[in-house]
């Protein structure tokens, strides 16, 4: 809430969102991971603005949460979220490709089944010499 309401830094374009916070065991340091909508330049500018105002936010946290000492705030761009989104895009691409292959396979099988009865009904188109020689051969007993 402090980031949204009390910071008036023009570098905070795009809505910065806190994705996760890791607090050290002794509660002295809080690593705050954020995402910012926009270009990489906007993200870097927003990160620098948050780093610059970290001391002021620490003081505000101490007052609002009635803490004796608030942790030092260290801001980071959340790279894990970017990796997760890229992985989801890859999985979606694989699923789309598999669906396309399945569609093509089903169409080929349907076409093969549709053509199978036609091929069975059609007589063999052998040259006349081969048809004559087959007709003249005596049946063989095996």
C-alpha atoms as a PDB file:
ATOM      1  CA  UNK A   1       0.000   0.000   0.000  1.00  0.00           C
ATOM      2  CA  UNK A   2       2.905   2.334   0.695  1.00  0.00           C
ATOM      3  CA  UNK A   3       4.191   1.841  -2.854  1.00  0.00           C
ATOM      4  CA  UNK A   4       0.832   2.701  -4.360  1.00  0.00           C
ATOM      5  CA  UNK A   5      -0.335   5.564  -2.148  1.00  0.00           C
ATOM      6  CA  UNK A   6       2.629   7.276  -0.602  1.00  0.00           C
ATOM      7  CA  UNK A   7       5.360   7.155  -3.234  1.00  0.00           C
ATOM      8  CA  UNK A   8       5.081   9.845  -5.860  1.00  0.00           C
ATOM      9  CA  UNK A   9       8.168   9.005  -7.879  1.00  0.00           C
ATOM     10  CA  UNK A  10       7.649   9.590 -11.628  1.00  0.00           C
ATOM     11  CA  UNK A  11       9.858   6.568 -12.343  1.00  0.00           C
ATOM     12  CA  UNK A  12       7.148   4.278 -10.970  1.00  0.00           C
ATOM     13  CA  UNK A  13       5.336   3.917 -14.293  1.00  0.00           C
ATOM     14  CA  UNK A  14       3.432   0.687 -14.721  1.00  0.00           C
ATOM     15  CA  UNK A  15       1.959  -0.918 -11.671  1.00  0.00           C
ATOM     16  CA  UNK A  16       4.689  -2.456  -9.512  1.00  0.00           C
ATOM     17  CA  UNK A  17       3.458  -5.650  -7.887  1.00  0.00           C
ATOM     18  CA  UNK A  18       5.107  -7.486  -5.035  1.00  0.00           C
ATOM     19  CA  UNK A  19       5.282 -11.159  -5.959  1.00  0.00           C
ATOM     20  CA  UNK A  20       7.069 -12.480  -2.881  1.00  0.00           C
ATOM     21  CA  UNK A  21       9.113 -11.415   0.128  1.00  0.00           C
ATOM     22  CA  UNK A  22      11.930 -13.369   1.773  1.00  0.00           C
ATOM     23  CA  UNK A  23      12.789 -12.282   5.292  1.00  0.00           C
ATOM     24  CA  UNK A  24      16.054 -13.312   6.934  1.00  0.00           C
ATOM     25  CA  UNK A  25      15.936 -15.479  10.064  1.00  0.00           C
ATOM     26  CA  UNK A  26      16.848 -12.557  12.316  1.00  0.00           C
ATOM     27  CA  UNK A  27      14.273 -10.284  10.597  1.00  0.00           C
ATOM     28  CA  UNK A  28      16.955  -7.742   9.699  1.00  0.00           C
ATOM     29  CA  UNK A  29      16.661  -7.957   5.893  1.00  0.00           C
ATOM     30  CA  UNK A  30      13.629  -8.388   3.643  1.00  0.00           C
ATOM     31  CA  UNK A  31      14.230  -9.257  -0.004  1.00  0.00           C
ATOM     32  CA  UNK A  32      11.211  -7.889  -1.870  1.00  0.00           C
ATOM     33  CA  UNK A  33      10.634  -9.341  -5.344  1.00  0.00           C
ATOM     34  CA  UNK A  34       8.571  -7.239  -7.724  1.00  0.00           C
ATOM     35  CA  UNK A  35       7.225  -7.269 -11.246  1.00  0.00           C
ATOM     36  CA  UNK A  36       6.549  -4.139 -13.237  1.00  0.00           C
ATOM     37  CA  UNK A  37       4.448  -3.996 -16.368  1.00  0.00           C
ATOM     38  CA  UNK A  38       6.288  -2.315 -19.213  1.00  0.00           C
ATOM     39  CA  UNK A  39       9.541  -2.377 -21.102  1.00  0.00           C
ATOM     40  CA  UNK A  40      12.808  -3.468 -19.502  1.00  0.00           C
ATOM     41  CA  UNK A  41      13.683   0.234 -19.249  1.00  0.00           C
ATOM     42  CA  UNK A  42      10.504   0.924 -17.258  1.00  0.00           C
ATOM     43  CA  UNK A  43      11.265  -2.047 -15.019  1.00  0.00           C
ATOM     44  CA  UNK A  44      14.795  -0.822 -14.314  1.00  0.00           C
ATOM     45  CA  UNK A  45      13.564   2.728 -13.617  1.00  0.00           C
ATOM     46  CA  UNK A  46      10.890   1.449 -11.229  1.00  0.00           C
ATOM     47  CA  UNK A  47      13.404  -0.793  -9.456  1.00  0.00           C
ATOM     48  CA  UNK A  48      15.795   2.137  -9.022  1.00  0.00           C
ATOM     49  CA  UNK A  49      12.958   4.304  -7.672  1.00  0.00           C
ATOM     50  CA  UNK A  50      12.016   1.634  -5.127  1.00  0.00           C
ATOM     51  CA  UNK A  51      15.643   1.140  -4.092  1.00  0.00           C
ATOM     52  CA  UNK A  52      15.985   4.893  -3.671  1.00  0.00           C
ATOM     53  CA  UNK A  53      12.903   5.119  -1.446  1.00  0.00           C
ATOM     54  CA  UNK A  54      13.602   1.944   0.567  1.00  0.00           C
ATOM     55  CA  UNK A  55      14.747   3.910   3.627  1.00  0.00           C
ATOM     56  CA  UNK A  56      11.606   6.033   3.696  1.00  0.00           C
ATOM     57  CA  UNK A  57       9.412   2.926   3.276  1.00  0.00           C
ATOM     58  CA  UNK A  58      11.266   1.268   6.158  1.00  0.00           C
ATOM     59  CA  UNK A  59      10.452   4.211   8.432  1.00  0.00           C
ATOM     60  CA  UNK A  60       6.789   4.119   7.342  1.00  0.00           C
ATOM     61  CA  UNK A  61       6.620   0.366   7.972  1.00  0.00           C
ATOM     62  CA  UNK A  62       8.055   0.838  11.445  1.00  0.00           C
ATOM     63  CA  UNK A  63       5.383   3.435  12.284  1.00  0.00           C
ATOM     64  CA  UNK A  64       2.413   1.674  10.674  1.00  0.00           C
ATOM     65  CA  UNK A  65       3.183  -1.792  11.996  1.00  0.00           C
ATOM     66  CA  UNK A  66       4.334  -0.601  15.442  1.00  0.00           C
ATOM     67  CA  UNK A  67       7.611  -2.418  15.093  1.00  0.00           C
ATOM     68  CA  UNK A  68      10.613  -1.531  17.136  1.00  0.00           C
ATOM     69  CA  UNK A  69      12.862  -2.172  14.148  1.00  0.00           C
ATOM     70  CA  UNK A  70      11.734  -2.887  10.591  1.00  0.00           C
ATOM     71  CA  UNK A  71      13.919  -4.938   8.260  1.00  0.00           C
ATOM     72  CA  UNK A  72      16.080  -3.316   5.609  1.00  0.00           C
ATOM     73  CA  UNK A  73      14.261  -3.550   2.288  1.00  0.00           C
ATOM     74  CA  UNK A  74      16.110  -4.874  -0.743  1.00  0.00           C
ATOM     75  CA  UNK A  75      14.162  -4.767  -3.995  1.00  0.00           C
ATOM     76  CA  UNK A  76      14.693  -7.209  -6.867  1.00  0.00           C
ATOM     77  CA  UNK A  77      12.963  -7.842 -10.196  1.00  0.00           C
ATOM     78  CA  UNK A  78      11.319 -11.268  -9.942  1.00  0.00           C
ATOM     79  CA  UNK A  79      13.077 -13.337 -12.608  1.00  0.00           C
ATOM     80  CA  UNK A  80      11.290 -16.521 -11.483  1.00  0.00           C
ATOM     81  CA  UNK A  81       7.984 -15.131 -12.698  1.00  0.00           C
ATOM     82  CA  UNK A  82       9.488 -14.398 -16.122  1.00  0.00           C
ATOM     83  CA  UNK A  83      10.838 -17.952 -16.290  1.00  0.00           C
ATOM     84  CA  UNK A  84       7.477 -19.374 -15.247  1.00  0.00           C
ATOM     85  CA  UNK A  85       5.660 -17.383 -17.934  1.00  0.00           C
ATOM     86  CA  UNK A  86       8.186 -18.453 -20.581  1.00  0.00           C
ATOM     87  CA  UNK A  87       7.765 -22.082 -19.525  1.00  0.00           C
ATOM     88  CA  UNK A  88       3.973 -21.785 -19.714  1.00  0.00           C
ATOM     89  CA  UNK A  89       4.278 -20.328 -23.226  1.00  0.00           C
ATOM     90  CA  UNK A  90       6.495 -23.247 -24.285  1.00  0.00           C
ATOM     91  CA  UNK A  91       4.067 -25.772 -22.822  1.00  0.00           C
ATOM     92  CA  UNK A  92       1.176 -24.090 -24.638  1.00  0.00           C
ATOM     93  CA  UNK A  93       3.135 -24.180 -27.902  1.00  0.00           C
ATOM     94  CA  UNK A  94       3.833 -27.907 -27.447  1.00  0.00           C
ATOM     95  CA  UNK A  95       0.155 -28.561 -26.674  1.00  0.00           C
ATOM     96  CA  UNK A  96      -0.899 -26.642 -29.811  1.00  0.00           C
ATOM     97  CA  UNK A  97       1.584 -28.574 -31.956  1.00  0.00           C
ATOM     98  CA  UNK A  98       0.390 -31.893 -30.505  1.00  0.00           C
ATOM     99  CA  UNK A  99      -3.221 -30.953 -31.179  1.00  0.00           C
ATOM    100  CA  UNK A 100      -2.345 -30.089 -34.794  1.00  0.00           C
ATOM    101  CA  UNK A 101      -0.528 -33.422 -35.252  1.00  0.00           C
ATOM    102  CA  UNK A 102      -3.510 -35.281 -33.754  1.00  0.00           C
ATOM    103  CA  UNK A 103      -5.886 -33.424 -36.113  1.00  0.00           C
ATOM    104  CA  UNK A 104      -3.770 -34.322 -39.138  1.00  0.00           C
ATOM    105  CA  UNK A 105      -3.479 -37.949 -38.008  1.00  0.00           C
ATOM    106  CA  UNK A 106      -7.253 -38.219 -37.490  1.00  0.00           C
ATOM    107  CA  UNK A 107      -7.920 -36.670 -40.914  1.00  0.00           C
ATOM    108  CA  UNK A 108      -5.477 -39.086 -42.582  1.00  0.00           C
ATOM    109  CA  UNK A 109      -7.062 -42.084 -40.824  1.00  0.00           C
ATOM    110  CA  UNK A 110     -10.566 -40.957 -41.811  1.00  0.00           C
ATOM    111  CA  UNK A 111      -9.448 -40.517 -45.407  1.00  0.00           C
ATOM    112  CA  UNK A 112      -7.800 -43.945 -45.401  1.00  0.00           C
ATOM    113  CA  UNK A 113     -10.968 -45.556 -44.039  1.00  0.00           C
ATOM    114  CA  UNK A 114     -13.094 -43.743 -46.599  1.00  0.00           C
ATOM    115  CA  UNK A 115     -10.858 -44.914 -49.450  1.00  0.00           C
ATOM    116  CA  UNK A 116     -10.509 -48.514 -48.213  1.00  0.00           C
ATOM    117  CA  UNK A 117     -13.997 -49.746 -49.371  1.00  0.00           C
ATOM    118  CA  UNK A 118     -13.527 -48.099 -52.770  1.00  0.00           C
ATOM    119  CA  UNK A 119     -10.220 -49.886 -53.315  1.00  0.00           C
ATOM    120  CA  UNK A 120     -11.720 -53.264 -52.374  1.00  0.00           C
ATOM    121  CA  UNK A 121     -14.585 -52.880 -54.877  1.00  0.00           C
ATOM    122  CA  UNK A 122     -12.398 -51.854 -57.806  1.00  0.00           C
ATOM    123  CA  UNK A 123     -11.036 -54.638 -60.046  1.00  0.00           C
ATOM    124  CA  UNK A 124      -7.315 -54.954 -60.482  1.00  0.00           C
ATOM    125  CA  UNK A 125      -6.089 -52.752 -63.282  1.00  0.00           C
ATOM    126  CA  UNK A 126      -3.523 -55.146 -64.727  1.00  0.00           C
ATOM    127  CA  UNK A 127      -2.366 -55.017 -68.327  1.00  0.00           C
ATOM    128  CA  UNK A 128      -4.287 -57.441 -70.571  1.00  0.00           C
ATOM    129  CA  UNK A 129      -1.292 -59.780 -70.961  1.00  0.00           C
ATOM    130  CA  UNK A 130      -1.091 -60.328 -67.181  1.00  0.00           C
ATOM    131  CA  UNK A 131      -4.855 -60.909 -66.929  1.00  0.00           C
ATOM    132  CA  UNK A 132      -4.666 -63.505 -69.752  1.00  0.00           C
ATOM    133  CA  UNK A 133      -1.740 -65.321 -68.136  1.00  0.00           C
ATOM    134  CA  UNK A 134      -3.539 -65.453 -64.769  1.00  0.00           C
ATOM    135  CA  UNK A 135      -6.641 -66.866 -66.407  1.00  0.00           C
ATOM    136  CA  UNK A 136      -4.641 -69.576 -68.272  1.00  0.00           C
ATOM    137  CA  UNK A 137      -2.740 -70.867 -65.230  1.00  0.00           C
ATOM    138  CA  UNK A 138      -4.145 -74.046 -63.755  1.00  0.00           C
ATOM    139  CA  UNK A 139      -4.996 -73.981 -60.038  1.00  0.00           C
ATOM    140  CA  UNK A 140      -2.242 -75.334 -57.837  1.00  0.00           C
ATOM    141  CA  UNK A 141      -2.839 -77.681 -54.931  1.00  0.00           C
ATOM    142  CA  UNK A 142      -0.720 -77.112 -51.892  1.00  0.00           C
END
